[in-house]
Amino acid sequence: MAVVKTITIREDQEEWLEKNYINLSKFVRVKLDEEIAKRARAERGEREREGGEKEDGE
């Protein structure tokens, strides 16, 4: 399901988007997915470190 959000950008940002034929909605979705994946990897790494310490008896 899609959710509609509104953001405010500067005029120079709008001009850059138009000049470079960038779809802002798609750009934001891609960047959010990248950040979500990055944080998920970091969280898994923390859990693995914590789990590894417990499994080793430390």
Protein backbone atom coordinates (compact mmCIF):
# COMPACT_ATOMS: atom_id res chain seq x y z
CA MET A 1 0.00 0.00 0.00
CA ALA A 2 1.33 3.44 -0.88
CA VAL A 3 1.46 6.33 1.56
CA VAL A 4 1.55 9.93 0.40
CA LYS A 5 3.98 12.29 2.15
CA THR A 6 4.82 15.90 1.38
CA ILE A 7 8.34 17.32 1.59
CA THR A 8 9.71 20.79 1.00
CA ILE A 9 12.79 21.34 -1.15
CA ARG A 10 14.61 24.47 -2.20
CA GLU A 11 14.26 25.96 -5.68
CA ASP A 12 17.84 25.05 -6.58
CA GLN A 13 17.12 21.45 -5.62
CA GLU A 14 14.03 21.43 -7.83
CA GLU A 15 16.03 22.85 -10.72
CA TRP A 16 18.72 20.19 -10.26
CA LEU A 17 16.12 17.42 -10.22
CA GLU A 18 14.52 18.72 -13.40
CA LYS A 19 17.86 19.29 -15.13
CA ASN A 20 18.94 15.73 -14.34
CA TYR A 21 15.55 14.13 -15.11
CA ILE A 22 15.28 12.66 -11.62
CA ASN A 23 11.97 11.46 -10.26
CA LEU A 24 12.02 12.69 -6.67
CA SER A 25 9.59 10.10 -5.40
CA LYS A 26 11.64 7.23 -6.82
CA PHE A 27 14.88 8.83 -5.61
CA VAL A 28 13.57 9.06 -2.04
CA ARG A 29 12.25 5.47 -2.10
CA VAL A 30 15.63 4.15 -3.30
CA LYS A 31 17.53 6.13 -0.66
CA LEU A 32 15.15 4.98 2.08
CA ASP A 33 15.60 1.35 1.01
CA GLU A 34 19.38 1.80 1.10
CA GLU A 35 19.26 3.30 4.60
CA ILE A 36 16.86 0.62 5.86
CA ALA A 37 19.18 -2.12 4.54
CA LYS A 38 22.25 -0.42 6.03
CA ARG A 39 20.66 -0.17 9.46
CA ALA A 40 19.37 -3.75 9.29
CA ARG A 41 22.91 -4.97 8.52
CA ALA A 42 24.26 -2.94 11.45
CA GLU A 43 21.60 -4.34 13.79
CA ARG A 44 22.33 -7.91 12.66
CA GLY A 45 26.02 -7.30 13.24
CA GLU A 46 25.36 -6.09 16.78
CA ARG A 47 23.13 -9.09 17.54
CA GLU A 48 25.71 -11.48 16.11
CA ARG A 49 28.44 -9.93 18.28
CA GLU A 50 26.21 -10.11 21.35
CA GLY A 51 25.14 -13.64 20.51
CA GLY A 52 28.71 -14.72 19.83
CA GLU A 53 29.86 -13.48 23.21
CA LYS A 54 27.08 -15.37 24.99
CA GLU A 55 27.70 -18.56 23.02
CA ASP A 56 31.41 -18.45 23.83
CA GLY A 57 30.63 -18.03 27.50
CA GLU A 58 32.29 -14.62 27.74
